[in-house]
Amino acid sequence: MQLNSKQIAYLRGLAHNLNPVVRIGNNGLTDAVLKEIDVSLNAHELIKVQVAGDDRELRKSLLEEIADKANAIAVHHIGKQLVFYRDSETVKASAKIVIPKL
């Protein structure tokens, strides 16, 4: 799925008021963390992930790795928070987030 810049901006606006649902600690991106991200994306479609640590390059690499492994779209990276979007796999007909066709 590809989104244009207007659609990404729309999702960033929706994510603004979200609290992080997954936190990545000192152990990094473990299988348990990936599973929790997958479950959260199925439940909410749009999630924030909080990353511990001050290494900006590590956070950039985590953004790409999570998007790749979770088959999600990396919406935003600001500070220690990463935002991801993925259509719910359960019921496509009743999507929680309707992205405008801009």
PDB file of N, CA and C in Angstrom:
ATOM      1  N   MET A   1       0.845  -1.176   0.000  1.00  0.00           N
ATOM      2  CA  MET A   1       0.000   0.000   0.000  1.00  0.00           C
ATOM      3  C   MET A   1       0.895   1.246   0.000  1.00  0.00           C
ATOM      4  N   GLN A   2       0.609   2.142  -0.883  1.00  0.00           N
ATOM      5  CA  GLN A   2       1.349   3.387  -0.961  1.00  0.00           C
ATOM      6  C   GLN A   2       0.416   4.545  -0.620  1.00  0.00           C
ATOM      7  N   LEU A   3       0.909   5.461   0.169  1.00  0.00           N
ATOM      8  CA  LEU A   3       0.138   6.645   0.526  1.00  0.00           C
ATOM      9  C   LEU A   3       0.862   7.882   0.027  1.00  0.00           C
ATOM     10  N   ASN A   4       0.089   8.872  -0.406  1.00  0.00           N
ATOM     11  CA  ASN A   4       0.724  10.118  -0.834  1.00  0.00           C
ATOM     12  C   ASN A   4       0.956  11.023   0.378  1.00  0.00           C
ATOM     13  N   SER A   5       1.585  12.159   0.150  1.00  0.00           N
ATOM     14  CA  SER A   5       1.971  13.032   1.261  1.00  0.00           C
ATOM     15  C   SER A   5       0.761  13.594   2.004  1.00  0.00           C
ATOM     16  N   LYS A   6      -0.335  13.844   1.310  1.00  0.00           N
ATOM     17  CA  LYS A   6      -1.557  14.354   1.972  1.00  0.00           C
ATOM     18  C   LYS A   6      -2.162  13.292   2.888  1.00  0.00           C
ATOM     19  N   GLN A   7      -2.140  12.048   2.443  1.00  0.00           N
ATOM     20  CA  GLN A   7      -2.671  10.963   3.266  1.00  0.00           C
ATOM     21  C   GLN A   7      -1.791  10.727   4.489  1.00  0.00           C
ATOM     22  N   ILE A   8      -0.480  10.807   4.309  1.00  0.00           N
ATOM     23  CA  ILE A   8       0.443  10.685   5.448  1.00  0.00           C
ATOM     24  C   ILE A   8       0.199  11.817   6.438  1.00  0.00           C
ATOM     25  N   ALA A   9       0.009  13.026   5.941  1.00  0.00           N
ATOM     26  CA  ALA A   9      -0.256  14.176   6.812  1.00  0.00           C
ATOM     27  C   ALA A   9      -1.563  13.976   7.578  1.00  0.00           C
ATOM     28  N   TYR A  10      -2.564  13.399   6.931  1.00  0.00           N
ATOM     29  CA  TYR A  10      -3.837  13.109   7.593  1.00  0.00           C
ATOM     30  C   TYR A  10      -3.621  12.123   8.751  1.00  0.00           C
ATOM     31  N   LEU A  11      -2.849  11.061   8.504  1.00  0.00           N
ATOM     32  CA  LEU A  11      -2.572  10.072   9.551  1.00  0.00           C
ATOM     33  C   LEU A  11      -1.746  10.674  10.676  1.00  0.00           C
ATOM     34  N   ARG A  12      -0.794  11.538  10.354  1.00  0.00           N
ATOM     35  CA  ARG A  12      -0.003  12.212  11.393  1.00  0.00           C
ATOM     36  C   ARG A  12      -0.905  13.047  12.288  1.00  0.00           C
ATOM     37  N   GLY A  13      -1.892  13.700  11.694  1.00  0.00           N
ATOM     38  CA  GLY A  13      -2.845  14.483  12.474  1.00  0.00           C
ATOM     39  C   GLY A  13      -3.660  13.614  13.412  1.00  0.00           C
ATOM     40  N   LEU A  14      -4.076  12.452  12.932  1.00  0.00           N
ATOM     41  CA  LEU A  14      -4.826  11.526  13.780  1.00  0.00           C
ATOM     42  C   LEU A  14      -3.964  10.981  14.916  1.00  0.00           C
ATOM     43  N   ALA A  15      -2.682  10.776  14.632  1.00  0.00           N
ATOM     44  CA  ALA A  15      -1.768  10.188  15.622  1.00  0.00           C
ATOM     45  C   ALA A  15      -1.352  11.178  16.696  1.00  0.00           C
ATOM     46  N   HIS A  16      -1.565  12.455  16.460  1.00  0.00           N
ATOM     47  CA  HIS A  16      -1.102  13.482  17.392  1.00  0.00           C
ATOM     48  C   HIS A  16      -1.585  13.246  18.822  1.00  0.00           C
ATOM     49  N   ASN A  17      -2.834  12.861  18.985  1.00  0.00           N
ATOM     50  CA  ASN A  17      -3.407  12.686  20.328  1.00  0.00           C
ATOM     51  C   ASN A  17      -3.246  11.274  20.887  1.00  0.00           C
ATOM     52  N   LEU A  18      -2.617  10.390  20.146  1.00  0.00           N
ATOM     53  CA  LEU A  18      -2.437   9.011  20.614  1.00  0.00           C
ATOM     54  C   LEU A  18      -1.335   8.919  21.660  1.00  0.00           C
ATOM     55  N   ASN A  19      -1.500   7.979  22.571  1.00  0.00           N
ATOM     56  CA  ASN A  19      -0.441   7.636  23.514  1.00  0.00           C
ATOM     57  C   ASN A  19       0.275   6.403  22.986  1.00  0.00           C
ATOM     58  N   PRO A  20       1.562   6.242  23.302  1.00  0.00           N
ATOM     59  CA  PRO A  20       2.276   5.042  22.851  1.00  0.00           C
ATOM     60  C   PRO A  20       1.650   3.776  23.426  1.00  0.00           C
ATOM     61  N   VAL A  21       1.452   2.772  22.565  1.00  0.00           N
ATOM     62  CA  VAL A  21       0.880   1.505  23.025  1.00  0.00           C
ATOM     63  C   VAL A  21       1.951   0.441  23.192  1.00  0.00           C
ATOM     64  N   VAL A  22       3.125   0.672  22.621  1.00  0.00           N
ATOM     65  CA  VAL A  22       4.247  -0.261  22.735  1.00  0.00           C
ATOM     66  C   VAL A  22       5.485   0.548  23.083  1.00  0.00           C
ATOM     67  N   ARG A  23       6.298   0.002  23.975  1.00  0.00           N
ATOM     68  CA  ARG A  23       7.549   0.646  24.348  1.00  0.00           C
ATOM     69  C   ARG A  23       8.703  -0.316  24.079  1.00  0.00           C
ATOM     70  N   ILE A  24       9.729   0.194  23.410  1.00  0.00           N
ATOM     71  CA  ILE A  24      10.923  -0.604  23.129  1.00  0.00           C
ATOM     72  C   ILE A  24      11.987  -0.178  24.120  1.00  0.00           C
ATOM     73  N   GLY A  25      12.397  -1.122  24.968  1.00  0.00           N
ATOM     74  CA  GLY A  25      13.348  -0.814  26.030  1.00  0.00           C
ATOM     75  C   GLY A  25      14.773  -1.145  25.654  1.00  0.00           C
ATOM     76  N   ASN A  26      15.561  -1.443  26.663  1.00  0.00           N
ATOM     77  CA  ASN A  26      16.996  -1.698  26.491  1.00  0.00           C
ATOM     78  C   ASN A  26      17.282  -2.977  25.719  1.00  0.00           C
ATOM     79  N   ASN A  27      16.339  -3.925  25.706  1.00  0.00           N
ATOM     80  CA  ASN A  27      16.555  -5.179  24.983  1.00  0.00           C
ATOM     81  C   ASN A  27      16.349  -5.028  23.486  1.00  0.00           C
ATOM     82  N   GLY A  28      15.864  -3.895  23.050  1.00  0.00           N
ATOM     83  CA  GLY A  28      15.690  -3.648  21.622  1.00  0.00           C
ATOM     84  C   GLY A  28      14.447  -4.291  21.053  1.00  0.00           C
ATOM     85  N   LEU A  29      14.485  -4.552  19.765  1.00  0.00           N
ATOM     86  CA  LEU A  29      13.336  -5.084  19.035  1.00  0.00           C
ATOM     87  C   LEU A  29      13.343  -6.606  19.126  1.00  0.00           C
ATOM     88  N   THR A  30      12.673  -7.135  20.131  1.00  0.00           N
ATOM     89  CA  THR A  30      12.602  -8.580  20.339  1.00  0.00           C
ATOM     90  C   THR A  30      11.373  -9.134  19.625  1.00  0.00           C
ATOM     91  N   ASP A  31      11.283 -10.449  19.579  1.00  0.00           N
ATOM     92  CA  ASP A  31      10.111 -11.097  18.979  1.00  0.00           C
ATOM     93  C   ASP A  31       8.836 -10.734  19.734  1.00  0.00           C
ATOM     94  N   ALA A  32       8.931 -10.619  21.055  1.00  0.00           N
ATOM     95  CA  ALA A  32       7.758 -10.265  21.865  1.00  0.00           C
ATOM     96  C   ALA A  32       7.275  -8.850  21.533  1.00  0.00           C
ATOM     97  N   VAL A  33       8.209  -7.938  21.321  1.00  0.00           N
ATOM     98  CA  VAL A  33       7.852  -6.564  20.962  1.00  0.00           C
ATOM     99  C   VAL A  33       7.201  -6.540  19.586  1.00  0.00           C
ATOM    100  N   LEU A  34       7.757  -7.277  18.631  1.00  0.00           N
ATOM    101  CA  LEU A  34       7.170  -7.352  17.291  1.00  0.00           C
ATOM    102  C   LEU A  34       5.767  -7.938  17.323  1.00  0.00           C
ATOM    103  N   LYS A  35       5.575  -8.952  18.160  1.00  0.00           N
ATOM    104  CA  LYS A  35       4.237  -9.555  18.286  1.00  0.00           C
ATOM    105  C   LYS A  35       3.254  -8.552  18.861  1.00  0.00           C
ATOM    106  N   GLU A  36       3.676  -7.781  19.853  1.00  0.00           N
ATOM    107  CA  GLU A  36       2.803  -6.768  20.454  1.00  0.00           C
ATOM    108  C   GLU A  36       2.472  -5.658  19.454  1.00  0.00           C
ATOM    109  N   ILE A  37       3.440  -5.273  18.643  1.00  0.00           N
ATOM    110  CA  ILE A  37       3.195  -4.278  17.596  1.00  0.00           C
ATOM    111  C   ILE A  37       2.177  -4.810  16.599  1.00  0.00           C
ATOM    112  N   ASP A  38       2.324  -6.074  16.223  1.00  0.00           N
ATOM    113  CA  ASP A  38       1.391  -6.699  15.277  1.00  0.00           C
ATOM    114  C   ASP A  38      -0.030  -6.738  15.849  1.00  0.00           C
ATOM    115  N   VAL A  39      -0.157  -7.132  17.101  1.00  0.00           N
ATOM    116  CA  VAL A  39      -1.469  -7.186  17.753  1.00  0.00           C
ATOM    117  C   VAL A  39      -2.077  -5.788  17.840  1.00  0.00           C
ATOM    118  N   SER A  40      -1.270  -4.809  18.201  1.00  0.00           N
ATOM    119  CA  SER A  40      -1.755  -3.433  18.320  1.00  0.00           C
ATOM    120  C   SER A  40      -2.180  -2.860  16.976  1.00  0.00           C
ATOM    121  N   LEU A  41      -1.427  -3.157  15.924  1.00  0.00           N
ATOM    122  CA  LEU A  41      -1.812  -2.685  14.592  1.00  0.00           C
ATOM    123  C   LEU A  41      -3.128  -3.313  14.135  1.00  0.00           C
ATOM    124  N   ASN A  42      -3.325  -4.593  14.450  1.00  0.00           N
ATOM    125  CA  ASN A  42      -4.593  -5.236  14.107  1.00  0.00           C
ATOM    126  C   ASN A  42      -5.751  -4.614  14.868  1.00  0.00           C
ATOM    127  N   ALA A  43      -5.507  -4.235  16.103  1.00  0.00           N
ATOM    128  CA  ALA A  43      -6.580  -3.680  16.935  1.00  0.00           C
ATOM    129  C   ALA A  43      -6.872  -2.219  16.630  1.00  0.00           C
ATOM    130  N   HIS A  44      -5.824  -1.428  16.352  1.00  0.00           N
ATOM    131  CA  HIS A  44      -5.998   0.024  16.254  1.00  0.00           C
ATOM    132  C   HIS A  44      -5.709   0.618  14.874  1.00  0.00           C
ATOM    133  N   GLU A  45      -4.982  -0.083  14.044  1.00  0.00           N
ATOM    134  CA  GLU A  45      -4.543   0.354  12.716  1.00  0.00           C
ATOM    135  C   GLU A  45      -3.481   1.458  12.752  1.00  0.00           C
ATOM    136  N   LEU A  46      -3.571   2.398  13.660  1.00  0.00           N
ATOM    137  CA  LEU A  46      -2.613   3.495  13.769  1.00  0.00           C
ATOM    138  C   LEU A  46      -2.079   3.502  15.198  1.00  0.00           C
ATOM    139  N   ILE A  47      -0.765   3.337  15.355  1.00  0.00           N
ATOM    140  CA  ILE A  47      -0.196   3.248  16.703  1.00  0.00           C
ATOM    141  C   ILE A  47       1.062   4.100  16.823  1.00  0.00           C
ATOM    142  N   LYS A  48       1.370   4.442  18.076  1.00  0.00           N
ATOM    143  CA  LYS A  48       2.635   5.080  18.426  1.00  0.00           C
ATOM    144  C   LYS A  48       3.480   4.078  19.196  1.00  0.00           C
ATOM    145  N   VAL A  49       4.780   4.109  18.917  1.00  0.00           N
ATOM    146  CA  VAL A  49       5.736   3.255  19.610  1.00  0.00           C
ATOM    147  C   VAL A  49       6.776   4.167  20.243  1.00  0.00           C
ATOM    148  N   GLN A  50       7.028   3.973  21.525  1.00  0.00           N
ATOM    149  CA  GLN A  50       8.025   4.754  22.266  1.00  0.00           C
ATOM    150  C   GLN A  50       9.328   3.969  22.290  1.00  0.00           C
ATOM    151  N   VAL A  51      10.442   4.635  21.971  1.00  0.00           N
ATOM    152  CA  VAL A  51      11.756   3.992  21.951  1.00  0.00           C
ATOM    153  C   VAL A  51      12.633   4.599  23.030  1.00  0.00           C
ATOM    154  N   ALA A  52      13.228   3.732  23.862  1.00  0.00           N
ATOM    155  CA  ALA A  52      14.154   4.203  24.892  1.00  0.00           C
ATOM    156  C   ALA A  52      15.516   4.455  24.253  1.00  0.00           C
ATOM    157  N   GLY A  53      16.265   5.341  24.816  1.00  0.00           N
ATOM    158  CA  GLY A  53      17.617   5.613  24.320  1.00  0.00           C
ATOM    159  C   GLY A  53      17.687   6.893  23.520  1.00  0.00           C
ATOM    160  N   ASP A  54      18.904   7.415  23.400  1.00  0.00           N
ATOM    161  CA  ASP A  54      19.119   8.702  22.745  1.00  0.00           C
ATOM    162  C   ASP A  54      19.745   8.593  21.360  1.00  0.00           C
ATOM    163  N   ASP A  55      19.932   7.388  20.842  1.00  0.00           N
ATOM    164  CA  ASP A  55      20.599   7.197  19.563  1.00  0.00           C
ATOM    165  C   ASP A  55      19.614   7.398  18.409  1.00  0.00           C
ATOM    166  N   ARG A  56      19.719   8.534  17.725  1.00  0.00           N
ATOM    167  CA  ARG A  56      18.801   8.873  16.632  1.00  0.00           C
ATOM    168  C   ARG A  56      18.915   7.885  15.469  1.00  0.00           C
ATOM    169  N   GLU A  57      20.130   7.474  15.148  1.00  0.00           N
ATOM    170  CA  GLU A  57      20.327   6.528  14.043  1.00  0.00           C
ATOM    171  C   GLU A  57      19.676   5.178  14.358  1.00  0.00           C
ATOM    172  N   LEU A  58      19.736   4.757  15.615  1.00  0.00           N
ATOM    173  CA  LEU A  58      19.087   3.519  16.021  1.00  0.00           C
ATOM    174  C   LEU A  58      17.576   3.636  15.838  1.00  0.00           C
ATOM    175  N   ARG A  59      17.014   4.774  16.211  1.00  0.00           N
ATOM    176  CA  ARG A  59      15.566   4.970  16.053  1.00  0.00           C
ATOM    177  C   ARG A  59      15.166   4.971  14.577  1.00  0.00           C
ATOM    178  N   LYS A  60      15.995   5.568  13.720  1.00  0.00           N
ATOM    179  CA  LYS A  60      15.719   5.547  12.279  1.00  0.00           C
ATOM    180  C   LYS A  60      15.729   4.116  11.747  1.00  0.00           C
ATOM    181  N   SER A  61      16.711   3.339  12.178  1.00  0.00           N
ATOM    182  CA  SER A  61      16.785   1.957  11.709  1.00  0.00           C
ATOM    183  C   SER A  61      15.624   1.126  12.255  1.00  0.00           C
ATOM    184  N   LEU A  62      15.212   1.395  13.495  1.00  0.00           N
ATOM    185  CA  LEU A  62      14.051   0.702  14.063  1.00  0.00           C
ATOM    186  C   LEU A  62      12.783   1.038  13.284  1.00  0.00           C
ATOM    187  N   LEU A  63      12.638   2.297  12.883  1.00  0.00           N
ATOM    188  CA  LEU A  63      11.470   2.724  12.103  1.00  0.00           C
ATOM    189  C   LEU A  63      11.365   1.889  10.827  1.00  0.00           C
ATOM    190  N   GLU A  64      12.462   1.755  10.101  1.00  0.00           N
ATOM    191  CA  GLU A  64      12.462   0.991   8.861  1.00  0.00           C
ATOM    192  C   GLU A  64      12.274  -0.505   9.110  1.00  0.00           C
ATOM    193  N   GLU A  65      12.930  -1.021  10.141  1.00  0.00           N
ATOM    194  CA  GLU A  65      12.851  -2.451  10.429  1.00  0.00           C
ATOM    195  C   GLU A  65      11.448  -2.858  10.861  1.00  0.00           C
ATOM    196  N   ILE A  66      10.823  -2.057  11.720  1.00  0.00           N
ATOM    197  CA  ILE A  66       9.470  -2.371  12.175  1.00  0.00           C
ATOM    198  C   ILE A  66       8.495  -2.291  11.008  1.00  0.00           C
ATOM    199  N   ALA A  67       8.610  -1.253  10.192  1.00  0.00           N
ATOM    200  CA  ALA A  67       7.715  -1.109   9.040  1.00  0.00           C
ATOM    201  C   ALA A  67       7.847  -2.316   8.115  1.00  0.00           C
ATOM    202  N   ASP A  68       9.061  -2.784   7.914  1.00  0.00           N
ATOM    203  CA  ASP A  68       9.297  -3.927   7.038  1.00  0.00           C
ATOM    204  C   ASP A  68       8.746  -5.213   7.646  1.00  0.00           C
ATOM    205  N   LYS A  69       9.087  -5.490   8.894  1.00  0.00           N
ATOM    206  CA  LYS A  69       8.685  -6.748   9.529  1.00  0.00           C
ATOM    207  C   LYS A  69       7.195  -6.806   9.845  1.00  0.00           C
ATOM    208  N   ALA A  70       6.577  -5.667  10.132  1.00  0.00           N
ATOM    209  CA  ALA A  70       5.147  -5.653  10.476  1.00  0.00           C
ATOM    210  C   ALA A  70       4.275  -5.381   9.249  1.00  0.00           C
ATOM    211  N   ASN A  71       4.901  -5.220   8.080  1.00  0.00           N
ATOM    212  CA  ASN A  71       4.171  -4.905   6.858  1.00  0.00           C
ATOM    213  C   ASN A  71       3.288  -3.671   7.070  1.00  0.00           C
ATOM    214  N   ALA A  72       3.881  -2.654   7.678  1.00  0.00           N
ATOM    215  CA  ALA A  72       3.163  -1.427   8.013  1.00  0.00           C
ATOM    216  C   ALA A  72       3.803  -0.245   7.300  1.00  0.00           C
ATOM    217  N   ILE A  73       3.128   0.874   7.358  1.00  0.00           N
ATOM    218  CA  ILE A  73       3.643   2.111   6.773  1.00  0.00           C
ATOM    219  C   ILE A  73       4.203   2.972   7.899  1.00  0.00           C
ATOM    220  N   ALA A  74       5.436   3.395   7.752  1.00  0.00           N
ATOM    221  CA  ALA A  74       6.041   4.310   8.724  1.00  0.00           C
ATOM    222  C   ALA A  74       5.481   5.696   8.447  1.00  0.00           C
ATOM    223  N   VAL A  75       4.645   6.184   9.344  1.00  0.00           N
ATOM    224  CA  VAL A  75       3.958   7.456   9.151  1.00  0.00           C
ATOM    225  C   VAL A  75       4.814   8.624   9.614  1.00  0.00           C
ATOM    226  N   HIS A  76       5.461   8.475  10.776  1.00  0.00           N
ATOM    227  CA  HIS A  76       6.137   9.625  11.363  1.00  0.00           C
ATOM    228  C   HIS A  76       7.185   9.174  12.367  1.00  0.00           C
ATOM    229  N   HIS A  77       8.223   9.967  12.500  1.00  0.00           N
ATOM    230  CA  HIS A  77       9.259   9.736  13.509  1.00  0.00           C
ATOM    231  C   HIS A  77       9.612  11.095  14.078  1.00  0.00           C
ATOM    232  N   ILE A  78       9.257  11.301  15.322  1.00  0.00           N
ATOM    233  CA  ILE A  78       9.608  12.560  15.973  1.00  0.00           C
ATOM    234  C   ILE A  78      10.105  12.243  17.379  1.00  0.00           C
ATOM    235  N   GLY A  79      11.309  12.673  17.656  1.00  0.00           N
ATOM    236  CA  GLY A  79      11.895  12.380  18.964  1.00  0.00           C
ATOM    237  C   GLY A  79      12.014  10.890  19.168  1.00  0.00           C
ATOM    238  N   LYS A  80      11.498  10.430  20.281  1.00  0.00           N
ATOM    239  CA  LYS A  80      11.572   9.007  20.623  1.00  0.00           C
ATOM    240  C   LYS A  80      10.291   8.258  20.275  1.00  0.00           C
ATOM    241  N   GLN A  81       9.416   8.891  19.494  1.00  0.00           N
ATOM    242  CA  GLN A  81       8.152   8.257  19.139  1.00  0.00           C
ATOM    243  C   GLN A  81       8.096   7.959  17.650  1.00  0.00           C
ATOM    244  N   LEU A  82       7.643   6.753  17.351  1.00  0.00           N
ATOM    245  CA  LEU A  82       7.470   6.293  15.986  1.00  0.00           C
ATOM    246  C   LEU A  82       5.989   6.032  15.768  1.00  0.00           C
ATOM    247  N   VAL A  83       5.473   6.357  14.587  1.00  0.00           N
ATOM    248  CA  VAL A  83       4.057   6.148  14.291  1.00  0.00           C
ATOM    249  C   VAL A  83       3.953   5.229  13.082  1.00  0.00           C
ATOM    250  N   PHE A  84       3.079   4.208  13.201  1.00  0.00           N
ATOM    251  CA  PHE A  84       2.882   3.229  12.140  1.00  0.00           C
ATOM    252  C   PHE A  84       1.403   3.079  11.824  1.00  0.00           C
ATOM    253  N   TYR A  85       1.128   2.741  10.552  1.00  0.00           N
ATOM    254  CA  TYR A  85      -0.241   2.485  10.108  1.00  0.00           C
ATOM    255  C   TYR A  85      -0.266   1.193   9.299  1.00  0.00           C
ATOM    256  N   ARG A  86      -1.313   0.405   9.520  1.00  0.00           N
ATOM    257  CA  ARG A  86      -1.564  -0.781   8.709  1.00  0.00           C
ATOM    258  C   ARG A  86      -3.053  -1.079   8.747  1.00  0.00           C
ATOM    259  N   ASP A  87      -3.626  -1.397   7.580  1.00  0.00           N
ATOM    260  CA  ASP A  87      -5.034  -1.793   7.534  1.00  0.00           C
ATOM    261  C   ASP A  87      -5.241  -2.995   8.441  1.00  0.00           C
ATOM    262  N   SER A  88      -6.373  -3.016   9.108  1.00  0.00           N
ATOM    263  CA  SER A  88      -6.709  -4.145   9.967  1.00  0.00           C
ATOM    264  C   SER A  88      -6.904  -5.389   9.114  1.00  0.00           C
ATOM    265  N   GLU A  89      -6.371  -6.512   9.575  1.00  0.00           N
ATOM    266  CA  GLU A  89      -6.501  -7.773   8.836  1.00  0.00           C
ATOM    267  C   GLU A  89      -7.810  -8.481   9.128  1.00  0.00           C
ATOM    268  N   THR A  90      -8.469  -8.101  10.206  1.00  0.00           N
ATOM    269  CA  THR A  90      -9.644  -8.854  10.625  1.00  0.00           C
ATOM    270  C   THR A  90     -10.849  -8.615   9.737  1.00  0.00           C
ATOM    271  N   VAL A  91     -11.331  -7.389   9.681  1.00  0.00           N
ATOM    272  CA  VAL A  91     -12.528  -7.091   8.903  1.00  0.00           C
ATOM    273  C   VAL A  91     -12.249  -5.866   8.037  1.00  0.00           C
ATOM    274  N   LYS A  92     -11.991  -6.075   6.772  1.00  0.00           N
ATOM    275  CA  LYS A  92     -11.684  -4.967   5.873  1.00  0.00           C
ATOM    276  C   LYS A  92     -12.890  -4.056   5.662  1.00  0.00           C
ATOM    277  N   ALA A  93     -14.088  -4.621   5.713  1.00  0.00           N
ATOM    278  CA  ALA A  93     -15.292  -3.833   5.435  1.00  0.00           C
ATOM    279  C   ALA A  93     -15.542  -2.769   6.503  1.00  0.00           C
ATOM    280  N   SER A  94     -15.106  -3.040   7.729  1.00  0.00           N
ATOM    281  CA  SER A  94     -15.351  -2.075   8.809  1.00  0.00           C
ATOM    282  C   SER A  94     -14.024  -1.491   9.294  1.00  0.00           C
ATOM    283  N   ALA A  95     -13.315  -0.847   8.410  1.00  0.00           N
ATOM    284  CA  ALA A  95     -12.032  -0.242   8.758  1.00  0.00           C
ATOM    285  C   ALA A  95     -12.241   0.831   9.817  1.00  0.00           C
ATOM    286  N   LYS A  96     -11.327   0.894  10.757  1.00  0.00           N
ATOM    287  CA  LYS A  96     -11.419   1.882  11.829  1.00  0.00           C
ATOM    288  C   LYS A  96     -11.031   3.280  11.342  1.00  0.00           C
ATOM    289  N   ILE A  97     -10.086   3.339  10.410  1.00  0.00           N
ATOM    290  CA  ILE A  97      -9.609   4.600   9.881  1.00  0.00           C
ATOM    291  C   ILE A  97      -9.880   4.636   8.381  1.00  0.00           C
ATOM    292  N   VAL A  98     -10.584   5.654   7.951  1.00  0.00           N
ATOM    293  CA  VAL A  98     -10.848   5.816   6.525  1.00  0.00           C
ATOM    294  C   VAL A  98      -9.940   6.931   6.020  1.00  0.00           C
ATOM    295  N   ILE A  99      -9.001   6.549   5.174  1.00  0.00           N
ATOM    296  CA  ILE A  99      -8.051   7.514   4.639  1.00  0.00           C
ATOM    297  C   ILE A  99      -8.680   8.188   3.419  1.00  0.00           C
ATOM    298  N   PRO A 100      -8.702   9.512   3.395  1.00  0.00           N
ATOM    299  CA  PRO A 100      -9.292  10.198   2.254  1.00  0.00           C
ATOM    300  C   PRO A 100      -8.506   9.934   0.973  1.00  0.00           C
ATOM    301  N   LYS A 101      -9.209   9.856  -0.127  1.00  0.00           N
ATOM    302  CA  LYS A 101      -8.582   9.658  -1.439  1.00  0.00           C
ATOM    303  C   LYS A 101      -8.210  11.008  -2.011  1.00  0.00           C
ATOM    304  N   LEU A 102      -7.126  11.579  -1.536  1.00  0.00           N
ATOM    305  CA  LEU A 102      -6.708  12.913  -1.945  1.00  0.00           C
ATOM    306  C   LEU A 102      -5.853  12.865  -3.196  1.00  0.00           C
TER     307      LEU A 102
END
